[in-house]
Amino acid sequence: MTGRTSDISHVCEFGWYEWVKYNWKRAEYTEEKEKLGRYLGPTEPGEGSVKSYYVLMSNGQVVTNTTIRKLLPQEYEDKTV
């Protein structure tokens, strides 16, 4: 409609309910601050930054976060993760 191509990378980057690691301290990203969660999708427009995501935490609460990543193949096989 506008003649501009929209950026939909935040929609295609993760699968719904996919395991992700997110930065729970909301500071500089380090592995010590990572927690395991489930990806629930991008946030609504106007909530958080442009690349902000809903993440389901292990306690059942949903948080928004901008720093998430997919699990590495070896993390899927590691039973402690």
C-alpha atoms as a PDB file:
ATOM      1  CA  MET A   1       0.000   0.000   0.000  1.00  0.00           C
ATOM      2  CA  THR A   2       2.757   2.438   0.889  1.00  0.00           C
ATOM      3  CA  GLY A   3       5.246   1.259  -1.710  1.00  0.00           C
ATOM      4  CA  ARG A   4       7.737   0.257   0.989  1.00  0.00           C
ATOM      5  CA  THR A   5       8.721  -3.298   1.827  1.00  0.00           C
ATOM      6  CA  SER A   6       7.888  -4.169   5.431  1.00  0.00           C
ATOM      7  CA  ASP A   7      10.398  -5.898   7.679  1.00  0.00           C
ATOM      8  CA  ILE A   8       8.817  -9.160   8.847  1.00  0.00           C
ATOM      9  CA  SER A   9      12.026 -10.779  10.120  1.00  0.00           C
ATOM     10  CA  HIS A  10      10.772 -10.632  13.718  1.00  0.00           C
ATOM     11  CA  VAL A  11       7.815 -12.805  12.676  1.00  0.00           C
ATOM     12  CA  CYS A  12       9.876 -15.392  10.747  1.00  0.00           C
ATOM     13  CA  GLU A  13      12.887 -15.653  13.034  1.00  0.00           C
ATOM     14  CA  PHE A  14      11.400 -18.070  15.602  1.00  0.00           C
ATOM     15  CA  GLY A  15       8.689 -20.708  15.574  1.00  0.00           C
ATOM     16  CA  TRP A  16       5.741 -20.382  17.950  1.00  0.00           C
ATOM     17  CA  TYR A  17       6.405 -22.046  21.326  1.00  0.00           C
ATOM     18  CA  GLU A  18      10.010 -22.755  20.302  1.00  0.00           C
ATOM     19  CA  TRP A  19      12.556 -23.132  23.093  1.00  0.00           C
ATOM     20  CA  VAL A  20      14.676 -19.984  23.428  1.00  0.00           C
ATOM     21  CA  LYS A  21      17.215 -18.530  25.816  1.00  0.00           C
ATOM     22  CA  TYR A  22      16.494 -15.006  27.005  1.00  0.00           C
ATOM     23  CA  ASN A  23      18.452 -12.438  28.973  1.00  0.00           C
ATOM     24  CA  TRP A  24      16.718 -12.174  32.348  1.00  0.00           C
ATOM     25  CA  LYS A  25      18.806  -9.317  33.792  1.00  0.00           C
ATOM     26  CA  ARG A  26      18.048  -6.981  30.854  1.00  0.00           C
ATOM     27  CA  ALA A  27      21.618  -5.783  30.909  1.00  0.00           C
ATOM     28  CA  GLU A  28      24.640  -6.722  28.834  1.00  0.00           C
ATOM     29  CA  TYR A  29      24.004 -10.175  27.326  1.00  0.00           C
ATOM     30  CA  THR A  30      26.074 -12.976  28.835  1.00  0.00           C
ATOM     31  CA  GLU A  31      25.523 -16.729  29.142  1.00  0.00           C
ATOM     32  CA  GLU A  32      25.321 -16.489  32.951  1.00  0.00           C
ATOM     33  CA  LYS A  33      22.208 -14.326  32.639  1.00  0.00           C
ATOM     34  CA  GLU A  34      20.406 -16.639  30.210  1.00  0.00           C
ATOM     35  CA  LYS A  35      17.222 -18.468  31.153  1.00  0.00           C
ATOM     36  CA  LEU A  36      15.200 -21.027  29.230  1.00  0.00           C
ATOM     37  CA  GLY A  37      11.777 -20.022  27.976  1.00  0.00           C
ATOM     38  CA  ARG A  38       9.237 -20.465  25.195  1.00  0.00           C
ATOM     39  CA  TYR A  39       8.801 -18.031  22.332  1.00  0.00           C
ATOM     40  CA  LEU A  40       5.226 -16.734  22.064  1.00  0.00           C
ATOM     41  CA  GLY A  41       5.615 -14.226  19.240  1.00  0.00           C
ATOM     42  CA  PRO A  42       6.430 -10.574  18.620  1.00  0.00           C
ATOM     43  CA  THR A  43       4.922  -7.952  20.908  1.00  0.00           C
ATOM     44  CA  GLU A  44       2.069  -5.749  19.817  1.00  0.00           C
ATOM     45  CA  PRO A  45       2.957  -2.510  18.007  1.00  0.00           C
ATOM     46  CA  GLY A  46       3.741   0.192  20.530  1.00  0.00           C
ATOM     47  CA  GLU A  47       4.680  -2.261  23.286  1.00  0.00           C
ATOM     48  CA  GLY A  48       8.429  -2.393  23.757  1.00  0.00           C
ATOM     49  CA  SER A  49      10.889  -1.841  20.944  1.00  0.00           C
ATOM     50  CA  VAL A  50      10.475  -2.851  17.313  1.00  0.00           C
ATOM     51  CA  LYS A  51      12.154  -6.230  17.935  1.00  0.00           C
ATOM     52  CA  SER A  52      10.522  -7.119  21.228  1.00  0.00           C
ATOM     53  CA  TYR A  53       9.140 -10.590  21.925  1.00  0.00           C
ATOM     54  CA  TYR A  54       6.777 -12.341  24.332  1.00  0.00           C
ATOM     55  CA  VAL A  55       8.542 -15.106  26.267  1.00  0.00           C
ATOM     56  CA  LEU A  56       6.895 -17.670  28.554  1.00  0.00           C
ATOM     57  CA  MET A  57       9.029 -18.131  31.669  1.00  0.00           C
ATOM     58  CA  SER A  58       9.301 -21.419  33.601  1.00  0.00           C
ATOM     59  CA  ASN A  59       6.985 -20.056  36.312  1.00  0.00           C
ATOM     60  CA  GLY A  60       4.186 -19.474  33.768  1.00  0.00           C
ATOM     61  CA  GLN A  61       4.544 -15.699  33.582  1.00  0.00           C
ATOM     62  CA  VAL A  62       4.836 -13.962  30.216  1.00  0.00           C
ATOM     63  CA  VAL A  63       7.482 -11.264  29.854  1.00  0.00           C
ATOM     64  CA  THR A  64       8.626  -9.092  26.977  1.00  0.00           C
ATOM     65  CA  ASN A  65      12.261  -9.254  26.019  1.00  0.00           C
ATOM     66  CA  THR A  66      14.446  -7.945  23.219  1.00  0.00           C
ATOM     67  CA  THR A  67      17.387 -10.274  23.760  1.00  0.00           C
ATOM     68  CA  ILE A  68      16.522 -13.853  22.885  1.00  0.00           C
ATOM     69  CA  ARG A  69      18.222 -16.572  20.876  1.00  0.00           C
ATOM     70  CA  LYS A  70      17.510 -20.051  19.562  1.00  0.00           C
ATOM     71  CA  LEU A  71      18.920 -23.032  21.380  1.00  0.00           C
ATOM     72  CA  LEU A  72      22.085 -24.490  19.894  1.00  0.00           C
ATOM     73  CA  PRO A  73      21.894 -28.099  18.586  1.00  0.00           C
ATOM     74  CA  GLN A  74      24.034 -29.356  21.496  1.00  0.00           C
ATOM     75  CA  GLU A  75      21.703 -27.626  23.985  1.00  0.00           C
ATOM     76  CA  TYR A  76      18.743 -29.644  22.648  1.00  0.00           C
ATOM     77  CA  GLU A  77      20.651 -32.855  23.403  1.00  0.00           C
ATOM     78  CA  ASP A  78      21.923 -31.740  26.830  1.00  0.00           C
ATOM     79  CA  LYS A  79      19.467 -33.130  29.428  1.00  0.00           C
ATOM     80  CA  THR A  80      20.531 -30.496  31.986  1.00  0.00           C
ATOM     81  CA  VAL A  81      19.289 -27.696  29.714  1.00  0.00           C
END
